[in-house]
Amino acid sequence: MFDAINNLLDACASGRGRDSMHKTAQFLADYVAKHFGDEEALQKQYHYPHYDAHHTFHVNYKKQLREAVDVIERSGATMENLQSLTQQVNVLLNHIRREDKRVAAHVRKNS
């Protein structure tokens, strides 16, 4: 995931961002769907006490990311769409830093 994001940023810095945006957005949507599914299975297995809130975030985030990908597919790789995709990535990274660390701590504690 980090490689895909870095590659998009590098492409933008060299003037090739428009070529990479759709591919990166689709990769992120696919990655998030798999990651969230795997993570939720783990949460259920270890009876994570905050599963419901975490699941709700996942559902809403996947919807927002899918909408951003759909806009890119419809209107192309614009600066506005890049900004929207970047905002979605920032939300994901913050979620991983905070919430996923809590899940990992719970799993380690209960393994």
PDB file of N, CA and C in Angstrom:
ATOM      1  N   MET A   1       0.823  -1.181   0.000  1.00  0.00           N
ATOM      2  CA  MET A   1       0.000   0.000   0.000  1.00  0.00           C
ATOM      3  C   MET A   1       0.870   1.249   0.000  1.00  0.00           C
ATOM      4  N   PHE A   2       1.881   1.267   0.870  1.00  0.00           N
ATOM      5  CA  PHE A   2       2.740   2.445   0.947  1.00  0.00           C
ATOM      6  C   PHE A   2       3.507   2.651  -0.356  1.00  0.00           C
ATOM      7  N   ASP A   3       3.932   1.563  -0.980  1.00  0.00           N
ATOM      8  CA  ASP A   3       4.613   1.679  -2.273  1.00  0.00           C
ATOM      9  C   ASP A   3       3.706   2.291  -3.326  1.00  0.00           C
ATOM     10  N   ALA A   4       2.441   1.868  -3.353  1.00  0.00           N
ATOM     11  CA  ALA A   4       1.502   2.407  -4.338  1.00  0.00           C
ATOM     12  C   ALA A   4       1.305   3.902  -4.137  1.00  0.00           C
ATOM     13  N   ILE A   5       1.168   4.320  -2.896  1.00  0.00           N
ATOM     14  CA  ILE A   5       0.979   5.741  -2.601  1.00  0.00           C
ATOM     15  C   ILE A   5       2.242   6.526  -2.955  1.00  0.00           C
ATOM     16  N   ASN A   6       3.397   6.006  -2.552  1.00  0.00           N
ATOM     17  CA  ASN A   6       4.651   6.695  -2.872  1.00  0.00           C
ATOM     18  C   ASN A   6       4.874   6.782  -4.373  1.00  0.00           C
ATOM     19  N   ASN A   7       4.534   5.727  -5.096  1.00  0.00           N
ATOM     20  CA  ASN A   7       4.684   5.746  -6.556  1.00  0.00           C
ATOM     21  C   ASN A   7       3.788   6.812  -7.184  1.00  0.00           C
ATOM     22  N   LEU A   8       2.577   6.959  -6.663  1.00  0.00           N
ATOM     23  CA  LEU A   8       1.688   7.996  -7.177  1.00  0.00           C
ATOM     24  C   LEU A   8       2.273   9.377  -6.891  1.00  0.00           C
ATOM     25  N   LEU A   9       2.764   9.591  -5.686  1.00  0.00           N
ATOM     26  CA  LEU A   9       3.343  10.892  -5.344  1.00  0.00           C
ATOM     27  C   LEU A   9       4.575  11.191  -6.194  1.00  0.00           C
ATOM     28  N   ASP A  10       5.401  10.173  -6.424  1.00  0.00           N
ATOM     29  CA  ASP A  10       6.570  10.349  -7.291  1.00  0.00           C
ATOM     30  C   ASP A  10       6.140  10.681  -8.711  1.00  0.00           C
ATOM     31  N   ALA A  11       5.109   9.995  -9.186  1.00  0.00           N
ATOM     32  CA  ALA A  11       4.605  10.261 -10.534  1.00  0.00           C
ATOM     33  C   ALA A  11       4.077  11.688 -10.636  1.00  0.00           C
ATOM     34  N   CYS A  12       3.385  12.139  -9.604  1.00  0.00           N
ATOM     35  CA  CYS A  12       2.879  13.521  -9.601  1.00  0.00           C
ATOM     36  C   CYS A  12       4.026  14.519  -9.630  1.00  0.00           C
ATOM     37  N   ALA A  13       5.064  14.239  -8.868  1.00  0.00           N
ATOM     38  CA  ALA A  13       6.204  15.148  -8.808  1.00  0.00           C
ATOM     39  C   ALA A  13       6.925  15.246 -10.145  1.00  0.00           C
ATOM     40  N   SER A  14       6.839  14.190 -10.953  1.00  0.00           N
ATOM     41  CA  SER A  14       7.516  14.200 -12.252  1.00  0.00           C
ATOM     42  C   SER A  14       6.558  14.470 -13.405  1.00  0.00           C
ATOM     43  N   GLY A  15       5.324  14.885 -13.082  1.00  0.00           N
ATOM     44  CA  GLY A  15       4.376  15.241 -14.127  1.00  0.00           C
ATOM     45  C   GLY A  15       3.638  14.064 -14.745  1.00  0.00           C
ATOM     46  N   ARG A  16       3.711  12.886 -14.126  1.00  0.00           N
ATOM     47  CA  ARG A  16       3.026  11.708 -14.659  1.00  0.00           C
ATOM     48  C   ARG A  16       1.891  11.239 -13.752  1.00  0.00           C
ATOM     49  N   GLY A  17       1.446  12.088 -12.850  1.00  0.00           N
ATOM     50  CA  GLY A  17       0.428  11.716 -11.876  1.00  0.00           C
ATOM     51  C   GLY A  17      -0.888  11.305 -12.485  1.00  0.00           C
ATOM     52  N   ARG A  18      -1.266  11.965 -13.553  1.00  0.00           N
ATOM     53  CA  ARG A  18      -2.547  11.642 -14.192  1.00  0.00           C
ATOM     54  C   ARG A  18      -2.567  10.215 -14.717  1.00  0.00           C
ATOM     55  N   ASP A  19      -1.428   9.733 -15.178  1.00  0.00           N
ATOM     56  CA  ASP A  19      -1.351   8.371 -15.695  1.00  0.00           C
ATOM     57  C   ASP A  19      -1.480   7.330 -14.588  1.00  0.00           C
ATOM     58  N   SER A  20      -1.063   7.665 -13.385  1.00  0.00           N
ATOM     59  CA  SER A  20      -1.007   6.706 -12.285  1.00  0.00           C
ATOM     60  C   SER A  20      -2.218   6.749 -11.359  1.00  0.00           C
ATOM     61  N   MET A  21      -2.988   7.820 -11.399  1.00  0.00           N
ATOM     62  CA  MET A  21      -4.033   8.020 -10.409  1.00  0.00           C
ATOM     63  C   MET A  21      -5.099   6.929 -10.428  1.00  0.00           C
ATOM     64  N   HIS A  22      -5.618   6.597 -11.590  1.00  0.00           N
ATOM     65  CA  HIS A  22      -6.688   5.599 -11.658  1.00  0.00           C
ATOM     66  C   HIS A  22      -6.192   4.246 -11.150  1.00  0.00           C
ATOM     67  N   LYS A  23      -5.023   3.844 -11.601  1.00  0.00           N
ATOM     68  CA  LYS A  23      -4.448   2.558 -11.188  1.00  0.00           C
ATOM     69  C   LYS A  23      -4.248   2.518  -9.672  1.00  0.00           C
ATOM     70  N   THR A  24      -3.713   3.587  -9.110  1.00  0.00           N
ATOM     71  CA  THR A  24      -3.471   3.642  -7.671  1.00  0.00           C
ATOM     72  C   THR A  24      -4.784   3.648  -6.897  1.00  0.00           C
ATOM     73  N   ALA A  25      -5.757   4.406  -7.361  1.00  0.00           N
ATOM     74  CA  ALA A  25      -7.053   4.472  -6.681  1.00  0.00           C
ATOM     75  C   ALA A  25      -7.719   3.094  -6.664  1.00  0.00           C
ATOM     76  N   GLN A  26      -7.681   2.398  -7.780  1.00  0.00           N
ATOM     77  CA  GLN A  26      -8.285   1.070  -7.843  1.00  0.00           C
ATOM     78  C   GLN A  26      -7.532   0.090  -6.949  1.00  0.00           C
ATOM     79  N   PHE A  27      -6.205   0.169  -6.948  1.00  0.00           N
ATOM     80  CA  PHE A  27      -5.411  -0.680  -6.058  1.00  0.00           C
ATOM     81  C   PHE A  27      -5.802  -0.440  -4.606  1.00  0.00           C
ATOM     82  N   LEU A  28      -5.924   0.825  -4.212  1.00  0.00           N
ATOM     83  CA  LEU A  28      -6.277   1.147  -2.830  1.00  0.00           C
ATOM     84  C   LEU A  28      -7.648   0.591  -2.453  1.00  0.00           C
ATOM     85  N   ALA A  29      -8.610   0.718  -3.351  1.00  0.00           N
ATOM     86  CA  ALA A  29      -9.947   0.192  -3.070  1.00  0.00           C
ATOM     87  C   ALA A  29      -9.895  -1.327  -2.877  1.00  0.00           C
ATOM     88  N   ASP A  30      -9.154  -2.012  -3.731  1.00  0.00           N
ATOM     89  CA  ASP A  30      -9.026  -3.466  -3.613  1.00  0.00           C
ATOM     90  C   ASP A  30      -8.272  -3.844  -2.338  1.00  0.00           C
ATOM     91  N   TYR A  31      -7.187  -3.128  -2.063  1.00  0.00           N
ATOM     92  CA  TYR A  31      -6.384  -3.395  -0.873  1.00  0.00           C
ATOM     93  C   TYR A  31      -7.213  -3.195   0.394  1.00  0.00           C
ATOM     94  N   VAL A  32      -7.930  -2.102   0.460  1.00  0.00           N
ATOM     95  CA  VAL A  32      -8.726  -1.781   1.646  1.00  0.00           C
ATOM     96  C   VAL A  32      -9.795  -2.849   1.867  1.00  0.00           C
ATOM     97  N   ALA A  33     -10.455  -3.285   0.815  1.00  0.00           N
ATOM     98  CA  ALA A  33     -11.483  -4.311   0.963  1.00  0.00           C
ATOM     99  C   ALA A  33     -10.897  -5.586   1.564  1.00  0.00           C
ATOM    100  N   LYS A  34      -9.740  -6.023   1.073  1.00  0.00           N
ATOM    101  CA  LYS A  34      -9.109  -7.233   1.596  1.00  0.00           C
ATOM    102  C   LYS A  34      -8.600  -7.009   3.017  1.00  0.00           C
ATOM    103  N   HIS A  35      -7.901  -5.916   3.229  1.00  0.00           N
ATOM    104  CA  HIS A  35      -7.338  -5.617   4.555  1.00  0.00           C
ATOM    105  C   HIS A  35      -8.434  -5.549   5.612  1.00  0.00           C
ATOM    106  N   PHE A  36      -9.498  -4.823   5.327  1.00  0.00           N
ATOM    107  CA  PHE A  36     -10.578  -4.680   6.296  1.00  0.00           C
ATOM    108  C   PHE A  36     -11.255  -6.018   6.553  1.00  0.00           C
ATOM    109  N   GLY A  37     -11.454  -6.807   5.515  1.00  0.00           N
ATOM    110  CA  GLY A  37     -12.062  -8.126   5.697  1.00  0.00           C
ATOM    111  C   GLY A  37     -11.214  -9.023   6.585  1.00  0.00           C
ATOM    112  N   ASP A  38      -9.909  -9.061   6.311  1.00  0.00           N
ATOM    113  CA  ASP A  38      -8.994  -9.864   7.129  1.00  0.00           C
ATOM    114  C   ASP A  38      -8.969  -9.362   8.569  1.00  0.00           C
ATOM    115  N   GLU A  39      -8.945  -8.064   8.716  1.00  0.00           N
ATOM    116  CA  GLU A  39      -8.878  -7.464  10.051  1.00  0.00           C
ATOM    117  C   GLU A  39     -10.147  -7.756  10.850  1.00  0.00           C
ATOM    118  N   GLU A  40     -11.285  -7.676  10.208  1.00  0.00           N
ATOM    119  CA  GLU A  40     -12.541  -7.945  10.912  1.00  0.00           C
ATOM    120  C   GLU A  40     -12.642  -9.412  11.319  1.00  0.00           C
ATOM    121  N   ALA A  41     -12.153 -10.313  10.490  1.00  0.00           N
ATOM    122  CA  ALA A  41     -12.136 -11.732  10.854  1.00  0.00           C
ATOM    123  C   ALA A  41     -11.274 -11.941  12.101  1.00  0.00           C
ATOM    124  N   LEU A  42     -10.144 -11.275  12.152  1.00  0.00           N
ATOM    125  CA  LEU A  42      -9.261 -11.361  13.312  1.00  0.00           C
ATOM    126  C   LEU A  42      -9.936 -10.785  14.554  1.00  0.00           C
ATOM    127  N   GLN A  43     -10.624  -9.673  14.390  1.00  0.00           N
ATOM    128  CA  GLN A  43     -11.324  -9.056  15.517  1.00  0.00           C
ATOM    129  C   GLN A  43     -12.394  -9.994  16.065  1.00  0.00           C
ATOM    130  N   LYS A  44     -13.118 -10.648  15.183  1.00  0.00           N
ATOM    131  CA  LYS A  44     -14.143 -11.598  15.635  1.00  0.00           C
ATOM    132  C   LYS A  44     -13.501 -12.783  16.349  1.00  0.00           C
ATOM    133  N   GLN A  45     -12.419 -13.283  15.781  1.00  0.00           N
ATOM    134  CA  GLN A  45     -11.732 -14.434  16.362  1.00  0.00           C
ATOM    135  C   GLN A  45     -11.273 -14.148  17.791  1.00  0.00           C
ATOM    136  N   TYR A  46     -10.791 -12.928  18.031  1.00  0.00           N
ATOM    137  CA  TYR A  46     -10.264 -12.562  19.345  1.00  0.00           C
ATOM    138  C   TYR A  46     -11.243 -11.729  20.169  1.00  0.00           C
ATOM    139  N   HIS A  47     -12.492 -11.677  19.732  1.00  0.00           N
ATOM    140  CA  HIS A  47     -13.560 -10.988  20.470  1.00  0.00           C
ATOM    141  C   HIS A  47     -13.159  -9.555  20.825  1.00  0.00           C
ATOM    142  N   TYR A  48     -12.738  -8.824  19.799  1.00  0.00           N
ATOM    143  CA  TYR A  48     -12.322  -7.440  20.012  1.00  0.00           C
ATOM    144  C   TYR A  48     -13.516  -6.636  20.515  1.00  0.00           C
ATOM    145  N   PRO A  49     -13.381  -5.961  21.666  1.00  0.00           N
ATOM    146  CA  PRO A  49     -14.531  -5.300  22.282  1.00  0.00           C
ATOM    147  C   PRO A  49     -15.061  -4.084  21.503  1.00  0.00           C
ATOM    148  N   HIS A  50     -14.281  -3.538  20.609  1.00  0.00           N
ATOM    149  CA  HIS A  50     -14.718  -2.355  19.854  1.00  0.00           C
ATOM    150  C   HIS A  50     -15.021  -2.708  18.392  1.00  0.00           C
ATOM    151  N   TYR A  51     -15.349  -3.959  18.163  1.00  0.00           N
ATOM    152  CA  TYR A  51     -15.594  -4.426  16.795  1.00  0.00           C
ATOM    153  C   TYR A  51     -16.672  -3.609  16.100  1.00  0.00           C
ATOM    154  N   ASP A  52     -17.794  -3.370  16.753  1.00  0.00           N
ATOM    155  CA  ASP A  52     -18.910  -2.690  16.085  1.00  0.00           C
ATOM    156  C   ASP A  52     -18.509  -1.312  15.567  1.00  0.00           C
ATOM    157  N   ALA A  53     -17.828  -0.529  16.393  1.00  0.00           N
ATOM    158  CA  ALA A  53     -17.394   0.802  15.958  1.00  0.00           C
ATOM    159  C   ALA A  53     -16.368   0.691  14.830  1.00  0.00           C
ATOM    160  N   HIS A  54     -15.470  -0.263  14.963  1.00  0.00           N
ATOM    161  CA  HIS A  54     -14.432  -0.462  13.946  1.00  0.00           C
ATOM    162  C   HIS A  54     -15.074  -0.873  12.618  1.00  0.00           C
ATOM    163  N   HIS A  55     -16.017  -1.781  12.695  1.00  0.00           N
ATOM    164  CA  HIS A  55     -16.728  -2.233  11.494  1.00  0.00           C
ATOM    165  C   HIS A  55     -17.487  -1.077  10.834  1.00  0.00           C
ATOM    166  N   THR A  56     -18.131  -0.258  11.637  1.00  0.00           N
ATOM    167  CA  THR A  56     -18.865   0.898  11.100  1.00  0.00           C
ATOM    168  C   THR A  56     -17.918   1.835  10.363  1.00  0.00           C
ATOM    169  N   PHE A  57     -16.746   2.081  10.950  1.00  0.00           N
ATOM    170  CA  PHE A  57     -15.752   2.907  10.257  1.00  0.00           C
ATOM    171  C   PHE A  57     -15.394   2.263   8.917  1.00  0.00           C
ATOM    172  N   HIS A  58     -15.138   0.966   8.925  1.00  0.00           N
ATOM    173  CA  HIS A  58     -14.753   0.269   7.693  1.00  0.00           C
ATOM    174  C   HIS A  58     -15.808   0.418   6.614  1.00  0.00           C
ATOM    175  N   VAL A  59     -17.055   0.213   6.962  1.00  0.00           N
ATOM    176  CA  VAL A  59     -18.152   0.312   5.980  1.00  0.00           C
ATOM    177  C   VAL A  59     -18.196   1.719   5.390  1.00  0.00           C
ATOM    178  N   ASN A  60     -18.146   2.722   6.246  1.00  0.00           N
ATOM    179  CA  ASN A  60     -18.221   4.109   5.771  1.00  0.00           C
ATOM    180  C   ASN A  60     -16.994   4.494   4.948  1.00  0.00           C
ATOM    181  N   TYR A  61     -15.831   4.057   5.395  1.00  0.00           N
ATOM    182  CA  TYR A  61     -14.608   4.402   4.668  1.00  0.00           C
ATOM    183  C   TYR A  61     -14.593   3.755   3.290  1.00  0.00           C
ATOM    184  N   LYS A  62     -14.962   2.483   3.207  1.00  0.00           N
ATOM    185  CA  LYS A  62     -14.983   1.812   1.901  1.00  0.00           C
ATOM    186  C   LYS A  62     -15.938   2.525   0.941  1.00  0.00           C
ATOM    187  N   LYS A  63     -17.061   3.000   1.464  1.00  0.00           N
ATOM    188  CA  LYS A  63     -18.025   3.738   0.634  1.00  0.00           C
ATOM    189  C   LYS A  63     -17.406   5.039   0.127  1.00  0.00           C
ATOM    190  N   GLN A  64     -16.755   5.783   1.017  1.00  0.00           N
ATOM    191  CA  GLN A  64     -16.136   7.051   0.613  1.00  0.00           C
ATOM    192  C   GLN A  64     -15.012   6.829  -0.395  1.00  0.00           C
ATOM    193  N   LEU A  65     -14.201   5.808  -0.162  1.00  0.00           N
ATOM    194  CA  LEU A  65     -13.112   5.513  -1.085  1.00  0.00           C
ATOM    195  C   LEU A  65     -13.663   5.085  -2.433  1.00  0.00           C
ATOM    196  N   ARG A  66     -14.693   4.261  -2.431  1.00  0.00           N
ATOM    197  CA  ARG A  66     -15.308   3.812  -3.686  1.00  0.00           C
ATOM    198  C   ARG A  66     -15.849   5.010  -4.459  1.00  0.00           C
ATOM    199  N   GLU A  67     -16.459   5.960  -3.756  1.00  0.00           N
ATOM    200  CA  GLU A  67     -16.972   7.171  -4.410  1.00  0.00           C
ATOM    201  C   GLU A  67     -15.831   7.962  -5.036  1.00  0.00           C
ATOM    202  N   ALA A  68     -14.703   8.075  -4.337  1.00  0.00           N
ATOM    203  CA  ALA A  68     -13.544   8.795  -4.883  1.00  0.00           C
ATOM    204  C   ALA A  68     -13.020   8.091  -6.128  1.00  0.00           C
ATOM    205  N   VAL A  69     -12.953   6.759  -6.101  1.00  0.00           N
ATOM    206  CA  VAL A  69     -12.503   5.990  -7.266  1.00  0.00           C
ATOM    207  C   VAL A  69     -13.468   6.179  -8.433  1.00  0.00           C
ATOM    208  N   ASP A  70     -14.766   6.140  -8.156  1.00  0.00           N
ATOM    209  CA  ASP A  70     -15.768   6.315  -9.205  1.00  0.00           C
ATOM    210  C   ASP A  70     -15.662   7.689  -9.866  1.00  0.00           C
ATOM    211  N   VAL A  71     -15.406   8.718  -9.064  1.00  0.00           N
ATOM    212  CA  VAL A  71     -15.250  10.067  -9.616  1.00  0.00           C
ATOM    213  C   VAL A  71     -14.032  10.111 -10.536  1.00  0.00           C
ATOM    214  N   ILE A  72     -12.945   9.489 -10.115  1.00  0.00           N
ATOM    215  CA  ILE A  72     -11.743   9.445 -10.955  1.00  0.00           C
ATOM    216  C   ILE A  72     -12.043   8.723 -12.258  1.00  0.00           C
ATOM    217  N   GLU A  73     -12.805   7.632 -12.190  1.00  0.00           N
ATOM    218  CA  GLU A  73     -13.158   6.894 -13.401  1.00  0.00           C
ATOM    219  C   GLU A  73     -14.033   7.722 -14.333  1.00  0.00           C
ATOM    220  N   ARG A  74     -14.947   8.504 -13.754  1.00  0.00           N
ATOM    221  CA  ARG A  74     -15.871   9.297 -14.574  1.00  0.00           C
ATOM    222  C   ARG A  74     -15.234  10.561 -15.139  1.00  0.00           C
ATOM    223  N   SER A  75     -14.500  11.276 -14.284  1.00  0.00           N
ATOM    224  CA  SER A  75     -14.028  12.595 -14.712  1.00  0.00           C
ATOM    225  C   SER A  75     -12.528  12.670 -14.943  1.00  0.00           C
ATOM    226  N   GLY A  76     -11.825  11.589 -14.671  1.00  0.00           N
ATOM    227  CA  GLY A  76     -10.402  11.565 -14.964  1.00  0.00           C
ATOM    228  C   GLY A  76      -9.539  12.043 -13.819  1.00  0.00           C
ATOM    229  N   ALA A  77      -8.284  12.096 -14.115  1.00  0.00           N
ATOM    230  CA  ALA A  77      -7.264  12.430 -13.120  1.00  0.00           C
ATOM    231  C   ALA A  77      -7.060  13.935 -13.066  1.00  0.00           C
ATOM    232  N   THR A  78      -7.854  14.582 -12.232  1.00  0.00           N
ATOM    233  CA  THR A  78      -7.734  16.027 -12.056  1.00  0.00           C
ATOM    234  C   THR A  78      -7.030  16.321 -10.738  1.00  0.00           C
ATOM    235  N   MET A  79      -6.598  17.531 -10.559  1.00  0.00           N
ATOM    236  CA  MET A  79      -5.980  17.930  -9.295  1.00  0.00           C
ATOM    237  C   MET A  79      -6.978  17.789  -8.147  1.00  0.00           C
ATOM    238  N   GLU A  80      -8.220  18.140  -8.409  1.00  0.00           N
ATOM    239  CA  GLU A  80      -9.261  18.010  -7.383  1.00  0.00           C
ATOM    240  C   GLU A  80      -9.431  16.544  -6.971  1.00  0.00           C
ATOM    241  N   ASN A  81      -9.410  15.650  -7.943  1.00  0.00           N
ATOM    242  CA  ASN A  81      -9.551  14.228  -7.634  1.00  0.00           C
ATOM    243  C   ASN A  81      -8.322  13.684  -6.913  1.00  0.00           C
ATOM    244  N   LEU A  82      -7.156  14.190  -7.263  1.00  0.00           N
ATOM    245  CA  LEU A  82      -5.941  13.798  -6.554  1.00  0.00           C
ATOM    246  C   LEU A  82      -6.019  14.244  -5.102  1.00  0.00           C
ATOM    247  N   GLN A  83      -6.497  15.451  -4.874  1.00  0.00           N
ATOM    248  CA  GLN A  83      -6.643  15.957  -3.514  1.00  0.00           C
ATOM    249  C   GLN A  83      -7.638  15.092  -2.731  1.00  0.00           C
ATOM    250  N   SER A  84      -8.736  14.716  -3.351  1.00  0.00           N
ATOM    251  CA  SER A  84      -9.720  13.866  -2.696  1.00  0.00           C
ATOM    252  C   SER A  84      -9.129  12.499  -2.345  1.00  0.00           C
ATOM    253  N   LEU A  85      -8.384  11.925  -3.281  1.00  0.00           N
ATOM    254  CA  LEU A  85      -7.747  10.633  -3.033  1.00  0.00           C
ATOM    255  C   LEU A  85      -6.713  10.757  -1.916  1.00  0.00           C
ATOM    256  N   THR A  86      -5.964  11.828  -1.912  1.00  0.00           N
ATOM    257  CA  THR A  86      -4.965  12.059  -0.867  1.00  0.00           C
ATOM    258  C   THR A  86      -5.633  12.173   0.504  1.00  0.00           C
ATOM    259  N   GLN A  87      -6.766  12.843   0.567  1.00  0.00           N
ATOM    260  CA  GLN A  87      -7.498  12.950   1.829  1.00  0.00           C
ATOM    261  C   GLN A  87      -7.944  11.571   2.307  1.00  0.00           C
ATOM    262  N   GLN A  88      -8.405  10.738   1.379  1.00  0.00           N
ATOM    263  CA  GLN A  88      -8.813   9.383   1.752  1.00  0.00           C
ATOM    264  C   GLN A  88      -7.627   8.585   2.281  1.00  0.00           C
ATOM    265  N   VAL A  89      -6.480   8.736   1.649  1.00  0.00           N
ATOM    266  CA  VAL A  89      -5.269   8.044   2.104  1.00  0.00           C
ATOM    267  C   VAL A  89      -4.894   8.511   3.507  1.00  0.00           C
ATOM    268  N   ASN A  90      -4.984   9.801   3.765  1.00  0.00           N
ATOM    269  CA  ASN A  90      -4.658  10.326   5.098  1.00  0.00           C
ATOM    270  C   ASN A  90      -5.581   9.761   6.172  1.00  0.00           C
ATOM    271  N   VAL A  91      -6.861   9.648   5.849  1.00  0.00           N
ATOM    272  CA  VAL A  91      -7.809   9.053   6.793  1.00  0.00           C
ATOM    273  C   VAL A  91      -7.416   7.605   7.079  1.00  0.00           C
ATOM    274  N   LEU A  92      -7.062   6.868   6.035  1.00  0.00           N
ATOM    275  CA  LEU A  92      -6.652   5.473   6.204  1.00  0.00           C
ATOM    276  C   LEU A  92      -5.396   5.359   7.063  1.00  0.00           C
ATOM    277  N   LEU A  93      -4.410   6.179   6.777  1.00  0.00           N
ATOM    278  CA  LEU A  93      -3.166   6.131   7.551  1.00  0.00           C
ATOM    279  C   LEU A  93      -3.403   6.459   9.023  1.00  0.00           C
ATOM    280  N   ASN A  94      -4.233   7.447   9.294  1.00  0.00           N
ATOM    281  CA  ASN A  94      -4.558   7.783  10.686  1.00  0.00           C
ATOM    282  C   ASN A  94      -5.290   6.631  11.373  1.00  0.00           C
ATOM    283  N   HIS A  95      -6.173   5.985  10.640  1.00  0.00           N
ATOM    284  CA  HIS A  95      -6.893   4.827  11.183  1.00  0.00           C
ATOM    285  C   HIS A  95      -5.906   3.709  11.534  1.00  0.00           C
ATOM    286  N   ILE A  96      -4.981   3.444  10.645  1.00  0.00           N
ATOM    287  CA  ILE A  96      -3.992   2.390  10.889  1.00  0.00           C
ATOM    288  C   ILE A  96      -3.146   2.739  12.109  1.00  0.00           C
ATOM    289  N   ARG A  97      -2.693   3.976  12.179  1.00  0.00           N
ATOM    290  CA  ARG A  97      -1.836   4.397  13.299  1.00  0.00           C
ATOM    291  C   ARG A  97      -2.523   4.277  14.650  1.00  0.00           C
ATOM    292  N   ARG A  98      -3.805   4.600  14.695  1.00  0.00           N
ATOM    293  CA  ARG A  98      -4.506   4.602  15.983  1.00  0.00           C
ATOM    294  C   ARG A  98      -5.267   3.305  16.222  1.00  0.00           C
ATOM    295  N   GLU A  99      -6.235   3.059  15.397  1.00  0.00           N
ATOM    296  CA  GLU A  99      -7.172   1.965  15.662  1.00  0.00           C
ATOM    297  C   GLU A  99      -6.561   0.588  15.438  1.00  0.00           C
ATOM    298  N   ASP A 100      -5.809   0.432  14.359  1.00  0.00           N
ATOM    299  CA  ASP A 100      -5.242  -0.887  14.089  1.00  0.00           C
ATOM    300  C   ASP A 100      -4.190  -1.267  15.125  1.00  0.00           C
ATOM    301  N   LYS A 101      -3.509  -0.285  15.682  1.00  0.00           N
ATOM    302  CA  LYS A 101      -2.568  -0.571  16.772  1.00  0.00           C
ATOM    303  C   LYS A 101      -3.314  -1.099  17.994  1.00  0.00           C
ATOM    304  N   ARG A 102      -4.492  -0.569  18.252  1.00  0.00           N
ATOM    305  CA  ARG A 102      -5.302  -1.058  19.374  1.00  0.00           C
ATOM    306  C   ARG A 102      -5.742  -2.496  19.137  1.00  0.00           C
ATOM    307  N   VAL A 103      -6.128  -2.788  17.907  1.00  0.00           N
ATOM    308  CA  VAL A 103      -6.523  -4.162  17.584  1.00  0.00           C
ATOM    309  C   VAL A 103      -5.336  -5.098  17.777  1.00  0.00           C
ATOM    310  N   ALA A 104      -4.167  -4.707  17.281  1.00  0.00           N
ATOM    311  CA  ALA A 104      -2.966  -5.543  17.404  1.00  0.00           C
ATOM    312  C   ALA A 104      -2.626  -5.783  18.874  1.00  0.00           C
ATOM    313  N   ALA A 105      -2.738  -4.763  19.693  1.00  0.00           N
ATOM    314  CA  ALA A 105      -2.449  -4.919  21.125  1.00  0.00           C
ATOM    315  C   ALA A 105      -3.429  -5.891  21.764  1.00  0.00           C
ATOM    316  N   HIS A 106      -4.695  -5.801  21.382  1.00  0.00           N
ATOM    317  CA  HIS A 106      -5.711  -6.707  21.924  1.00  0.00           C
ATOM    318  C   HIS A 106      -5.430  -8.151  21.510  1.00  0.00           C
ATOM    319  N   VAL A 107      -5.066  -8.345  20.261  1.00  0.00           N
ATOM    320  CA  VAL A 107      -4.768  -9.698  19.758  1.00  0.00           C
ATOM    321  C   VAL A 107      -3.545 -10.260  20.489  1.00  0.00           C
ATOM    322  N   ARG A 108      -2.494  -9.469  20.623  1.00  0.00           N
ATOM    323  CA  ARG A 108      -1.296  -9.939  21.325  1.00  0.00           C
ATOM    324  C   ARG A 108      -1.623 -10.320  22.776  1.00  0.00           C
ATOM    325  N   LYS A 109      -2.403  -9.496  23.414  1.00  0.00           N
ATOM    326  CA  LYS A 109      -2.769  -9.727  24.817  1.00  0.00           C
ATOM    327  C   LYS A 109      -3.597 -11.005  24.984  1.00  0.00           C
ATOM    328  N   ASN A 110      -4.393 -11.322  23.980  1.00  0.00           N
ATOM    329  CA  ASN A 110      -5.311 -12.457  24.083  1.00  0.00           C
ATOM    330  C   ASN A 110      -4.882 -13.684  23.288  1.00  0.00           C
ATOM    331  N   SER A 111      -3.645 -13.692  22.840  1.00  0.00           N
ATOM    332  CA  SER A 111      -3.152 -14.848  22.075  1.00  0.00           C
ATOM    333  C   SER A 111      -2.557 -15.895  23.002  1.00  0.00           C
TER     334      SER A 111
END
